[in-house]
Amino acid sequence: MATRTETDALPALTTPLAADVPPLPPGELERLSVEYALTRDEKLRDMLVLHHQRLVRSIAVRFLGAGEALEDLIQVGNIGLINALDRYNPSQGTRFSTYATPTILGEIKRHFRDRATGIKVPRWMQEMHQAIRRVSQILTQELGHPPSITEIAERLGVTEDEIIQAMESGEASNLVSLDTHFDSHGQMDSASLLELVGRVDKTLHEFETYGDLRKAIETLAPREKEVISLRFFEEMSQAKIAQKLNISQMHVSRLQQRALRNLRELLSEVPSPPRRRRTRKTTNDETERSWHPPGETPHDIQDNSAFTD
């Protein structure tokens, strides 16, 4: 009875990457890798990618069961293979397969790292964050204390803003669930994060109204605008406003009421009805006292009445 090998147990591929490429003579693949490093012939690179599919597949199968299809892992591995071909330098005395293996493996690991975070972080930030961790450990040993942002930036040859952005991006993988309960020293009524931050801002609907309010204030008379600014923006009392403007407090109150009434009319869709002036009923005696002969003013009559018997 024939035994089933590990290769036979792998899922079958339906892409051209699964093509059964005949092996080359011993040493020929390595010779072609060196030739491509010297000539950069694109046709030669395509042939090298095709003949290295067994290497890529052997590395991709290590990650089976991690939630990714084998074909997708091979596609990611081929990105690492192409990068290895473009960076390979045969003068260093390293075989191409030895050089390409960690490059392909690292590309697949970065693929899982990018997908594991809840927030998409640019690749350069992730690599910078890892570099910061390595350099921080080295500088801590050299300086005897944790390095500052300036010292890390000088060592890596980047700006301090890039260091800060990369350090903040490291928190993207440390997401906190809204159901997380805060420690309340053993009490049963500990609050969850949802109860503290999962609320609608009550002033959110006032955001657009605030912009309309500023435009409406600009339409007020200069003295009304000044009173509104001092009263509600600088939070001055009516007495202090009256003292500053050298007017009576009663006049300040009237200016404020008139300005607020104008603002309400400007901000409301339906204008408010006009104010009705209050009238006072007069008696017959008051009517007689209000009458005066032609050519005389009420002031003259009031002055002459002082001399009558």
C-alpha atoms as a PDB file:
ATOM      1  CA  MET A   1       0.000   0.000   0.000  1.00  0.00           C
ATOM      2  CA  ALA A   2       1.491   3.333  -1.040  1.00  0.00           C
ATOM      3  CA  THR A   3       1.990   5.896   1.656  1.00  0.00           C
ATOM      4  CA  ARG A   4       0.706   9.427   1.215  1.00  0.00           C
ATOM      5  CA  THR A   5       3.495  11.979   1.365  1.00  0.00           C
ATOM      6  CA  GLU A   6       3.248  15.468   2.859  1.00  0.00           C
ATOM      7  CA  THR A   7       3.396  17.018  -0.610  1.00  0.00           C
ATOM      8  CA  ASP A   8       0.434  14.957  -1.761  1.00  0.00           C
ATOM      9  CA  ALA A   9      -1.589  16.176   1.208  1.00  0.00           C
ATOM     10  CA  LEU A  10      -1.234  19.809   0.137  1.00  0.00           C
ATOM     11  CA  PRO A  11      -4.195  21.420  -1.619  1.00  0.00           C
ATOM     12  CA  ALA A  12      -3.970  21.487  -5.392  1.00  0.00           C
ATOM     13  CA  LEU A  13      -3.332  24.843  -7.025  1.00  0.00           C
ATOM     14  CA  THR A  14      -5.196  26.115 -10.051  1.00  0.00           C
ATOM     15  CA  THR A  15      -2.935  29.054 -10.913  1.00  0.00           C
ATOM     16  CA  PRO A  16      -0.031  29.048 -13.409  1.00  0.00           C
ATOM     17  CA  LEU A  17       2.263  29.033 -10.360  1.00  0.00           C
ATOM     18  CA  ALA A  18       1.464  25.337  -9.999  1.00  0.00           C
ATOM     19  CA  ALA A  19       2.904  24.521 -13.389  1.00  0.00           C
ATOM     20  CA  ASP A  20       5.163  21.488 -13.338  1.00  0.00           C
ATOM     21  CA  VAL A  21       8.441  23.098 -14.351  1.00  0.00           C
ATOM     22  CA  PRO A  22      11.158  20.601 -15.254  1.00  0.00           C
ATOM     23  CA  PRO A  23      14.253  20.970 -13.087  1.00  0.00           C
ATOM     24  CA  LEU A  24      17.403  22.455 -14.568  1.00  0.00           C
ATOM     25  CA  PRO A  25      20.793  20.753 -14.542  1.00  0.00           C
ATOM     26  CA  PRO A  26      22.731  21.051 -11.266  1.00  0.00           C
ATOM     27  CA  GLY A  27      24.281  24.490 -10.888  1.00  0.00           C
ATOM     28  CA  GLU A  28      22.370  25.964 -13.847  1.00  0.00           C
ATOM     29  CA  LEU A  29      19.838  27.812 -11.684  1.00  0.00           C
ATOM     30  CA  GLU A  30      22.599  29.394  -9.651  1.00  0.00           C
ATOM     31  CA  ARG A  31      24.431  30.409 -12.843  1.00  0.00           C
ATOM     32  CA  LEU A  32      21.287  32.057 -14.214  1.00  0.00           C
ATOM     33  CA  SER A  33      20.830  33.959 -10.931  1.00  0.00           C
ATOM     34  CA  VAL A  34      24.330  35.391 -11.239  1.00  0.00           C
ATOM     35  CA  GLU A  35      23.731  36.226 -14.886  1.00  0.00           C
ATOM     36  CA  TYR A  36      20.557  38.153 -14.040  1.00  0.00           C
ATOM     37  CA  ALA A  37      22.376  40.109 -11.337  1.00  0.00           C
ATOM     38  CA  LEU A  38      24.796  41.274 -14.034  1.00  0.00           C
ATOM     39  CA  THR A  39      22.449  41.793 -17.002  1.00  0.00           C
ATOM     40  CA  ARG A  40      19.041  42.589 -15.400  1.00  0.00           C
ATOM     41  CA  ASP A  41      17.313  40.849 -18.302  1.00  0.00           C
ATOM     42  CA  GLU A  42      13.540  40.821 -17.637  1.00  0.00           C
ATOM     43  CA  LYS A  43      12.985  37.588 -19.581  1.00  0.00           C
ATOM     44  CA  LEU A  44      15.663  35.914 -17.498  1.00  0.00           C
ATOM     45  CA  ARG A  45      14.017  37.191 -14.330  1.00  0.00           C
ATOM     46  CA  ASP A  46      10.648  35.715 -15.366  1.00  0.00           C
ATOM     47  CA  MET A  47      12.318  32.353 -15.951  1.00  0.00           C
ATOM     48  CA  LEU A  48      14.043  32.495 -12.550  1.00  0.00           C
ATOM     49  CA  VAL A  49      10.739  33.287 -10.840  1.00  0.00           C
ATOM     50  CA  LEU A  50       9.149  30.281 -12.536  1.00  0.00           C
ATOM     51  CA  HIS A  51      11.955  27.903 -11.584  1.00  0.00           C
ATOM     52  CA  HIS A  52      11.969  29.060  -7.923  1.00  0.00           C
ATOM     53  CA  GLN A  53       8.297  28.244  -7.355  1.00  0.00           C
ATOM     54  CA  ARG A  54       9.214  25.079  -5.458  1.00  0.00           C
ATOM     55  CA  LEU A  55      11.204  27.206  -2.999  1.00  0.00           C
ATOM     56  CA  VAL A  56       8.349  29.677  -2.569  1.00  0.00           C
ATOM     57  CA  ARG A  57       5.819  26.875  -2.112  1.00  0.00           C
ATOM     58  CA  SER A  58       7.958  25.090   0.477  1.00  0.00           C
ATOM     59  CA  ILE A  59       8.070  28.297   2.557  1.00  0.00           C
ATOM     60  CA  ALA A  60       4.380  29.154   2.096  1.00  0.00           C
ATOM     61  CA  VAL A  61       3.168  25.765   3.356  1.00  0.00           C
ATOM     62  CA  ARG A  62       4.637  26.567   6.768  1.00  0.00           C
ATOM     63  CA  PHE A  63       1.793  29.034   7.282  1.00  0.00           C
ATOM     64  CA  LEU A  64      -1.073  26.738   6.350  1.00  0.00           C
ATOM     65  CA  GLY A  65      -3.888  26.954   8.881  1.00  0.00           C
ATOM     66  CA  ALA A  66      -3.194  30.603   9.679  1.00  0.00           C
ATOM     67  CA  GLY A  67      -6.346  31.777   7.894  1.00  0.00           C
ATOM     68  CA  GLU A  68      -4.877  32.433   4.440  1.00  0.00           C
ATOM     69  CA  ALA A  69      -5.233  30.390   1.261  1.00  0.00           C
ATOM     70  CA  LEU A  70      -2.081  28.740  -0.028  1.00  0.00           C
ATOM     71  CA  GLU A  71      -2.360  30.522  -3.376  1.00  0.00           C
ATOM     72  CA  ASP A  72      -2.432  33.889  -1.619  1.00  0.00           C
ATOM     73  CA  LEU A  73       0.604  32.967   0.457  1.00  0.00           C
ATOM     74  CA  ILE A  74       2.477  31.958  -2.697  1.00  0.00           C
ATOM     75  CA  GLN A  75       1.606  35.294  -4.308  1.00  0.00           C
ATOM     76  CA  VAL A  76       3.026  37.118  -1.291  1.00  0.00           C
ATOM     77  CA  GLY A  77       6.074  34.883  -1.324  1.00  0.00           C
ATOM     78  CA  ASN A  78       6.694  35.739  -4.971  1.00  0.00           C
ATOM     79  CA  ILE A  79       6.868  39.404  -4.031  1.00  0.00           C
ATOM     80  CA  GLY A  80       9.705  38.509  -1.680  1.00  0.00           C
ATOM     81  CA  LEU A  81      11.305  36.384  -4.405  1.00  0.00           C
ATOM     82  CA  ILE A  82      11.289  39.275  -6.893  1.00  0.00           C
ATOM     83  CA  ASN A  83      12.736  41.614  -4.262  1.00  0.00           C
ATOM     84  CA  ALA A  84      15.467  39.079  -3.577  1.00  0.00           C
ATOM     85  CA  LEU A  85      16.313  38.831  -7.286  1.00  0.00           C
ATOM     86  CA  ASP A  86      16.568  42.617  -7.597  1.00  0.00           C
ATOM     87  CA  ARG A  87      18.770  42.937  -4.494  1.00  0.00           C
ATOM     88  CA  TYR A  88      20.980  39.893  -4.991  1.00  0.00           C
ATOM     89  CA  ASN A  89      24.702  40.607  -5.185  1.00  0.00           C
ATOM     90  CA  PRO A  90      26.733  37.514  -6.157  1.00  0.00           C
ATOM     91  CA  SER A  91      30.004  39.218  -5.181  1.00  0.00           C
ATOM     92  CA  GLN A  92      29.168  38.605  -1.522  1.00  0.00           C
ATOM     93  CA  GLY A  93      29.715  34.877  -2.046  1.00  0.00           C
ATOM     94  CA  THR A  94      26.202  33.784  -1.016  1.00  0.00           C
ATOM     95  CA  ARG A  95      24.083  31.352  -2.996  1.00  0.00           C
ATOM     96  CA  PHE A  96      20.868  32.887  -4.274  1.00  0.00           C
ATOM     97  CA  SER A  97      18.623  30.283  -2.629  1.00  0.00           C
ATOM     98  CA  THR A  98      20.300  30.995   0.718  1.00  0.00           C
ATOM     99  CA  TYR A  99      19.808  34.736   0.218  1.00  0.00           C
ATOM    100  CA  ALA A 100      16.208  34.465  -1.028  1.00  0.00           C
ATOM    101  CA  THR A 101      14.831  32.215   1.736  1.00  0.00           C
ATOM    102  CA  PRO A 102      14.799  34.800   4.585  1.00  0.00           C
ATOM    103  CA  THR A 103      13.555  37.471   2.169  1.00  0.00           C
ATOM    104  CA  ILE A 104      10.556  35.352   1.134  1.00  0.00           C
ATOM    105  CA  LEU A 105       9.891  34.328   4.721  1.00  0.00           C
ATOM    106  CA  GLY A 106      10.014  37.928   5.929  1.00  0.00           C
ATOM    107  CA  GLU A 107       7.588  39.078   3.244  1.00  0.00           C
ATOM    108  CA  ILE A 108       5.013  36.484   4.308  1.00  0.00           C
ATOM    109  CA  LYS A 109       5.442  37.394   7.983  1.00  0.00           C
ATOM    110  CA  ARG A 110       4.947  41.083   7.177  1.00  0.00           C
ATOM    111  CA  HIS A 111       1.773  40.133   5.322  1.00  0.00           C
ATOM    112  CA  PHE A 112       0.328  38.582   8.473  1.00  0.00           C
ATOM    113  CA  ARG A 113       1.543  41.470  10.586  1.00  0.00           C
ATOM    114  CA  ASP A 114      -0.204  43.989   8.365  1.00  0.00           C
ATOM    115  CA  ARG A 115      -3.466  42.054   8.508  1.00  0.00           C
ATOM    116  CA  ALA A 116      -3.328  41.513  12.271  1.00  0.00           C
ATOM    117  CA  THR A 117      -3.703  45.176  13.187  1.00  0.00           C
ATOM    118  CA  GLY A 118      -7.163  46.723  13.414  1.00  0.00           C
ATOM    119  CA  ILE A 119      -5.852  49.975  11.940  1.00  0.00           C
ATOM    120  CA  LYS A 120      -3.914  50.049   8.683  1.00  0.00           C
ATOM    121  CA  VAL A 121      -0.441  51.406   9.412  1.00  0.00           C
ATOM    122  CA  PRO A 122       1.931  52.309   6.554  1.00  0.00           C
ATOM    123  CA  ARG A 123       4.782  49.901   6.019  1.00  0.00           C
ATOM    124  CA  TRP A 124       7.469  52.503   6.682  1.00  0.00           C
ATOM    125  CA  MET A 125       5.949  53.304  10.066  1.00  0.00           C
ATOM    126  CA  GLN A 126       5.946  49.636  11.061  1.00  0.00           C
ATOM    127  CA  GLU A 127       9.581  49.202  10.028  1.00  0.00           C
ATOM    128  CA  MET A 128      10.518  52.461  11.748  1.00  0.00           C
ATOM    129  CA  HIS A 129       8.779  51.317  14.938  1.00  0.00           C
ATOM    130  CA  GLN A 130      10.827  48.126  14.999  1.00  0.00           C
ATOM    131  CA  ALA A 131      14.016  50.080  14.327  1.00  0.00           C
ATOM    132  CA  ILE A 132      13.202  52.408  17.210  1.00  0.00           C
ATOM    133  CA  ARG A 133      12.847  49.451  19.584  1.00  0.00           C
ATOM    134  CA  ARG A 134      16.224  48.028  18.536  1.00  0.00           C
ATOM    135  CA  VAL A 135      18.008  51.371  18.724  1.00  0.00           C
ATOM    136  CA  SER A 136      16.412  52.185  22.085  1.00  0.00           C
ATOM    137  CA  GLN A 137      17.863  49.021  23.612  1.00  0.00           C
ATOM    138  CA  ILE A 138      21.302  49.772  22.183  1.00  0.00           C
ATOM    139  CA  LEU A 139      21.286  53.413  23.339  1.00  0.00           C
ATOM    140  CA  THR A 140      20.059  52.426  26.789  1.00  0.00           C
ATOM    141  CA  GLN A 141      23.109  50.208  27.220  1.00  0.00           C
ATOM    142  CA  GLU A 142      25.468  52.846  25.828  1.00  0.00           C
ATOM    143  CA  LEU A 143      24.077  55.872  27.694  1.00  0.00           C
ATOM    144  CA  GLY A 144      22.964  54.184  30.902  1.00  0.00           C
ATOM    145  CA  HIS A 145      19.466  55.670  30.654  1.00  0.00           C
ATOM    146  CA  PRO A 146      16.502  55.483  28.266  1.00  0.00           C
ATOM    147  CA  PRO A 147      17.269  57.586  25.182  1.00  0.00           C
ATOM    148  CA  SER A 148      15.298  60.694  24.274  1.00  0.00           C
ATOM    149  CA  ILE A 149      13.473  61.208  20.995  1.00  0.00           C
ATOM    150  CA  THR A 150      16.263  63.509  19.813  1.00  0.00           C
ATOM    151  CA  GLU A 151      18.939  60.878  20.504  1.00  0.00           C
ATOM    152  CA  ILE A 152      16.955  58.165  18.683  1.00  0.00           C
ATOM    153  CA  ALA A 153      16.378  60.476  15.700  1.00  0.00           C
ATOM    154  CA  GLU A 154      20.094  61.286  15.477  1.00  0.00           C
ATOM    155  CA  ARG A 155      21.044  57.621  15.561  1.00  0.00           C
ATOM    156  CA  LEU A 156      18.531  56.635  12.851  1.00  0.00           C
ATOM    157  CA  GLY A 157      19.129  59.768  10.753  1.00  0.00           C
ATOM    158  CA  VAL A 158      15.472  60.822  10.639  1.00  0.00           C
ATOM    159  CA  THR A 159      13.451  63.731  11.999  1.00  0.00           C
ATOM    160  CA  GLU A 160      11.879  63.814  15.445  1.00  0.00           C
ATOM    161  CA  ASP A 161       8.387  64.058  13.910  1.00  0.00           C
ATOM    162  CA  GLU A 162       8.931  60.747  12.086  1.00  0.00           C
ATOM    163  CA  ILE A 163      10.045  59.134  15.345  1.00  0.00           C
ATOM    164  CA  ILE A 164       6.919  60.389  17.139  1.00  0.00           C
ATOM    165  CA  GLN A 165       4.612  59.171  14.350  1.00  0.00           C
ATOM    166  CA  ALA A 166       6.233  55.734  14.325  1.00  0.00           C
ATOM    167  CA  MET A 167       5.997  55.419  18.110  1.00  0.00           C
ATOM    168  CA  GLU A 168       2.326  56.379  18.056  1.00  0.00           C
ATOM    169  CA  SER A 169       1.639  53.881  15.268  1.00  0.00           C
ATOM    170  CA  GLY A 170       2.819  51.107  17.583  1.00  0.00           C
ATOM    171  CA  GLU A 171      -0.375  51.534  19.598  1.00  0.00           C
ATOM    172  CA  ALA A 172      -2.512  50.572  16.595  1.00  0.00           C
ATOM    173  CA  SER A 173      -2.190  46.884  17.458  1.00  0.00           C
ATOM    174  CA  ASN A 174      -3.193  47.458  21.098  1.00  0.00           C
ATOM    175  CA  LEU A 175      -6.905  47.960  20.564  1.00  0.00           C
ATOM    176  CA  VAL A 176      -9.167  47.968  23.611  1.00  0.00           C
ATOM    177  CA  SER A 177     -12.632  46.456  23.492  1.00  0.00           C
ATOM    178  CA  LEU A 178     -15.593  48.654  24.380  1.00  0.00           C
ATOM    179  CA  ASP A 179     -16.704  45.918  26.778  1.00  0.00           C
ATOM    180  CA  THR A 180     -13.519  46.281  28.821  1.00  0.00           C
ATOM    181  CA  HIS A 181     -14.327  46.942  32.487  1.00  0.00           C
ATOM    182  CA  PHE A 182     -12.095  49.204  34.506  1.00  0.00           C
ATOM    183  CA  ASP A 183     -10.759  47.996  37.801  1.00  0.00           C
ATOM    184  CA  SER A 184     -12.837  49.471  40.606  1.00  0.00           C
ATOM    185  CA  HIS A 185     -10.898  47.836  43.470  1.00  0.00           C
ATOM    186  CA  GLY A 186     -13.048  44.735  43.591  1.00  0.00           C
ATOM    187  CA  GLN A 187     -16.397  46.480  43.397  1.00  0.00           C
ATOM    188  CA  MET A 188     -19.157  44.886  41.341  1.00  0.00           C
ATOM    189  CA  ASP A 189     -20.327  48.126  39.721  1.00  0.00           C
ATOM    190  CA  SER A 190     -17.224  48.699  37.600  1.00  0.00           C
ATOM    191  CA  ALA A 191     -17.963  50.744  34.473  1.00  0.00           C
ATOM    192  CA  SER A 192     -17.147  49.540  30.970  1.00  0.00           C
ATOM    193  CA  LEU A 193     -15.454  51.654  28.334  1.00  0.00           C
ATOM    194  CA  LEU A 194     -18.710  51.741  26.349  1.00  0.00           C
ATOM    195  CA  GLU A 195     -20.507  53.393  29.273  1.00  0.00           C
ATOM    196  CA  LEU A 196     -17.874  56.117  29.447  1.00  0.00           C
ATOM    197  CA  VAL A 197     -17.130  56.974  25.819  1.00  0.00           C
ATOM    198  CA  GLY A 198     -19.975  55.414  23.852  1.00  0.00           C
ATOM    199  CA  ARG A 199     -22.233  58.422  24.055  1.00  0.00           C
ATOM    200  CA  VAL A 200     -23.396  60.963  21.520  1.00  0.00           C
ATOM    201  CA  ASP A 201     -21.974  64.422  22.075  1.00  0.00           C
ATOM    202  CA  LYS A 202     -24.865  66.608  23.165  1.00  0.00           C
ATOM    203  CA  THR A 203     -23.304  69.701  21.599  1.00  0.00           C
ATOM    204  CA  LEU A 204     -22.656  68.046  18.227  1.00  0.00           C
ATOM    205  CA  HIS A 205     -25.866  69.386  16.708  1.00  0.00           C
ATOM    206  CA  GLU A 206     -24.884  72.903  17.815  1.00  0.00           C
ATOM    207  CA  PHE A 207     -21.752  72.930  15.657  1.00  0.00           C
ATOM    208  CA  GLU A 208     -23.441  74.276  12.529  1.00  0.00           C
ATOM    209  CA  THR A 209     -25.550  76.665  14.578  1.00  0.00           C
ATOM    210  CA  TYR A 210     -22.383  78.141  16.082  1.00  0.00           C
ATOM    211  CA  GLY A 211     -21.130  79.137  12.644  1.00  0.00           C
ATOM    212  CA  ASP A 212     -24.491  80.724  11.804  1.00  0.00           C
ATOM    213  CA  LEU A 213     -24.409  82.581  15.109  1.00  0.00           C
ATOM    214  CA  ARG A 214     -21.079  84.218  14.338  1.00  0.00           C
ATOM    215  CA  LYS A 215     -22.409  85.385  10.968  1.00  0.00           C
ATOM    216  CA  ALA A 216     -25.545  86.751  12.640  1.00  0.00           C
ATOM    217  CA  ILE A 217     -23.496  88.669  15.214  1.00  0.00           C
ATOM    218  CA  GLU A 218     -21.650  90.427  12.393  1.00  0.00           C
ATOM    219  CA  THR A 219     -24.958  91.918  11.211  1.00  0.00           C
ATOM    220  CA  LEU A 220     -25.667  93.651  14.531  1.00  0.00           C
ATOM    221  CA  ALA A 221     -25.127  97.332  15.144  1.00  0.00           C
ATOM    222  CA  PRO A 222     -21.637  98.180  16.413  1.00  0.00           C
ATOM    223  CA  ARG A 223     -22.783  98.989  19.974  1.00  0.00           C
ATOM    224  CA  GLU A 224     -24.995  95.862  20.158  1.00  0.00           C
ATOM    225  CA  LYS A 225     -22.145  93.705  18.858  1.00  0.00           C
ATOM    226  CA  GLU A 226     -19.812  95.163  21.472  1.00  0.00           C
ATOM    227  CA  VAL A 227     -22.259  94.488  24.287  1.00  0.00           C
ATOM    228  CA  ILE A 228     -22.805  90.861  23.166  1.00  0.00           C
ATOM    229  CA  SER A 229     -19.065  90.307  22.886  1.00  0.00           C
ATOM    230  CA  LEU A 230     -18.358  91.697  26.363  1.00  0.00           C
ATOM    231  CA  ARG A 231     -21.328  89.962  27.981  1.00  0.00           C
ATOM    232  CA  PHE A 232     -21.099  86.441  26.561  1.00  0.00           C
ATOM    233  CA  PHE A 233     -17.568  86.033  25.237  1.00  0.00           C
ATOM    234  CA  GLU A 234     -15.628  87.936  27.887  1.00  0.00           C
ATOM    235  CA  GLU A 235     -18.262  87.111  30.561  1.00  0.00           C
ATOM    236  CA  MET A 236     -18.448  90.625  31.989  1.00  0.00           C
ATOM    237  CA  SER A 237     -21.372  91.739  34.117  1.00  0.00           C
ATOM    238  CA  GLN A 238     -23.734  94.459  32.942  1.00  0.00           C
ATOM    239  CA  ALA A 239     -22.345  96.806  35.595  1.00  0.00           C
ATOM    240  CA  LYS A 240     -18.775  96.377  34.334  1.00  0.00           C
ATOM    241  CA  ILE A 241     -19.928  96.805  30.726  1.00  0.00           C
ATOM    242  CA  ALA A 242     -21.729 100.024  31.650  1.00  0.00           C
ATOM    243  CA  GLN A 243     -18.604 101.294  33.372  1.00  0.00           C
ATOM    244  CA  LYS A 244     -16.396 100.401  30.414  1.00  0.00           C
ATOM    245  CA  LEU A 245     -18.710 101.942  27.788  1.00  0.00           C
ATOM    246  CA  ASN A 246     -19.561 104.938  30.002  1.00  0.00           C
ATOM    247  CA  ILE A 247     -23.307 104.324  29.756  1.00  0.00           C
ATOM    248  CA  SER A 248     -25.987 103.357  32.254  1.00  0.00           C
ATOM    249  CA  GLN A 249     -26.592  99.764  33.230  1.00  0.00           C
ATOM    250  CA  MET A 250     -30.216 100.144  32.115  1.00  0.00           C
ATOM    251  CA  HIS A 251     -28.993 101.091  28.636  1.00  0.00           C
ATOM    252  CA  VAL A 252     -26.721  98.045  28.584  1.00  0.00           C
ATOM    253  CA  SER A 253     -29.687  95.831  29.452  1.00  0.00           C
ATOM    254  CA  ARG A 254     -31.763  97.327  26.630  1.00  0.00           C
ATOM    255  CA  LEU A 255     -28.948  96.878  24.115  1.00  0.00           C
ATOM    256  CA  GLN A 256     -28.509  93.265  25.183  1.00  0.00           C
ATOM    257  CA  GLN A 257     -32.202  92.448  24.923  1.00  0.00           C
ATOM    258  CA  ARG A 258     -32.482  94.106  21.518  1.00  0.00           C
ATOM    259  CA  ALA A 259     -29.404  92.274  20.223  1.00  0.00           C
ATOM    260  CA  LEU A 260     -30.652  88.909  21.476  1.00  0.00           C
ATOM    261  CA  ARG A 261     -34.042  89.511  19.898  1.00  0.00           C
ATOM    262  CA  ASN A 262     -32.406  90.310  16.560  1.00  0.00           C
ATOM    263  CA  LEU A 263     -30.237  87.202  16.780  1.00  0.00           C
ATOM    264  CA  ARG A 264     -33.227  84.979  17.483  1.00  0.00           C
ATOM    265  CA  GLU A 265     -35.016  86.374  14.452  1.00  0.00           C
ATOM    266  CA  LEU A 266     -31.969  85.804  12.245  1.00  0.00           C
ATOM    267  CA  LEU A 267     -31.380  82.238  13.434  1.00  0.00           C
ATOM    268  CA  SER A 268     -34.993  81.091  13.499  1.00  0.00           C
ATOM    269  CA  GLU A 269     -36.810  80.026  10.345  1.00  0.00           C
ATOM    270  CA  VAL A 270     -40.033  81.781  11.429  1.00  0.00           C
ATOM    271  CA  PRO A 271     -39.478  85.401  12.485  1.00  0.00           C
ATOM    272  CA  SER A 272     -40.820  86.342  15.879  1.00  0.00           C
ATOM    273  CA  PRO A 273     -43.928  88.561  15.925  1.00  0.00           C
ATOM    274  CA  PRO A 274     -43.331  92.287  16.407  1.00  0.00           C
ATOM    275  CA  ARG A 275     -43.496  93.565  19.958  1.00  0.00           C
ATOM    276  CA  ARG A 276     -46.652  95.409  20.951  1.00  0.00           C
ATOM    277  CA  ARG A 277     -46.126  98.653  22.804  1.00  0.00           C
ATOM    278  CA  ARG A 278     -47.910  98.757  26.105  1.00  0.00           C
ATOM    279  CA  THR A 279     -50.472 101.625  26.470  1.00  0.00           C
ATOM    280  CA  ARG A 280     -51.875 103.018  29.671  1.00  0.00           C
ATOM    281  CA  LYS A 281     -55.499 103.982  30.025  1.00  0.00           C
ATOM    282  CA  THR A 282     -55.993 107.691  30.836  1.00  0.00           C
ATOM    283  CA  THR A 283     -58.711 109.260  32.950  1.00  0.00           C
ATOM    284  CA  ASN A 284     -60.733 112.331  32.075  1.00  0.00           C
ATOM    285  CA  ASP A 285     -58.640 114.470  34.454  1.00  0.00           C
ATOM    286  CA  GLU A 286     -55.445 113.317  32.747  1.00  0.00           C
ATOM    287  CA  THR A 287     -57.016 114.122  29.347  1.00  0.00           C
ATOM    288  CA  GLU A 288     -57.928 117.625  30.480  1.00  0.00           C
ATOM    289  CA  ARG A 289     -54.450 118.186  31.891  1.00  0.00           C
ATOM    290  CA  SER A 290     -52.920 116.972  28.635  1.00  0.00           C
ATOM    291  CA  TRP A 291     -54.897 119.617  26.635  1.00  0.00           C
ATOM    292  CA  HIS A 292     -53.221 122.996  26.175  1.00  0.00           C
ATOM    293  CA  PRO A 293     -54.118 126.107  24.169  1.00  0.00           C
ATOM    294  CA  PRO A 294     -52.559 126.525  20.751  1.00  0.00           C
ATOM    295  CA  GLY A 295     -49.098 128.108  20.887  1.00  0.00           C
ATOM    296  CA  GLU A 296     -48.398 126.848  24.428  1.00  0.00           C
ATOM    297  CA  THR A 297     -46.428 123.752  25.395  1.00  0.00           C
ATOM    298  CA  PRO A 298     -47.209 121.452  28.299  1.00  0.00           C
ATOM    299  CA  HIS A 299     -44.081 122.774  29.952  1.00  0.00           C
ATOM    300  CA  ASP A 300     -45.443 126.338  29.812  1.00  0.00           C
ATOM    301  CA  ILE A 301     -48.752 125.266  31.317  1.00  0.00           C
ATOM    302  CA  GLN A 302     -47.004 123.406  34.122  1.00  0.00           C
ATOM    303  CA  ASP A 303     -44.911 126.468  34.893  1.00  0.00           C
ATOM    304  CA  ASN A 304     -47.943 128.838  34.840  1.00  0.00           C
ATOM    305  CA  SER A 305     -49.983 126.604  37.092  1.00  0.00           C
ATOM    306  CA  ALA A 306     -47.596 127.341  39.881  1.00  0.00           C
ATOM    307  CA  PHE A 307     -48.831 130.970  39.979  1.00  0.00           C
ATOM    308  CA  THR A 308     -52.579 130.273  39.952  1.00  0.00           C
ATOM    309  CA  ASP A 309     -54.614 130.480  43.041  1.00  0.00           C
END
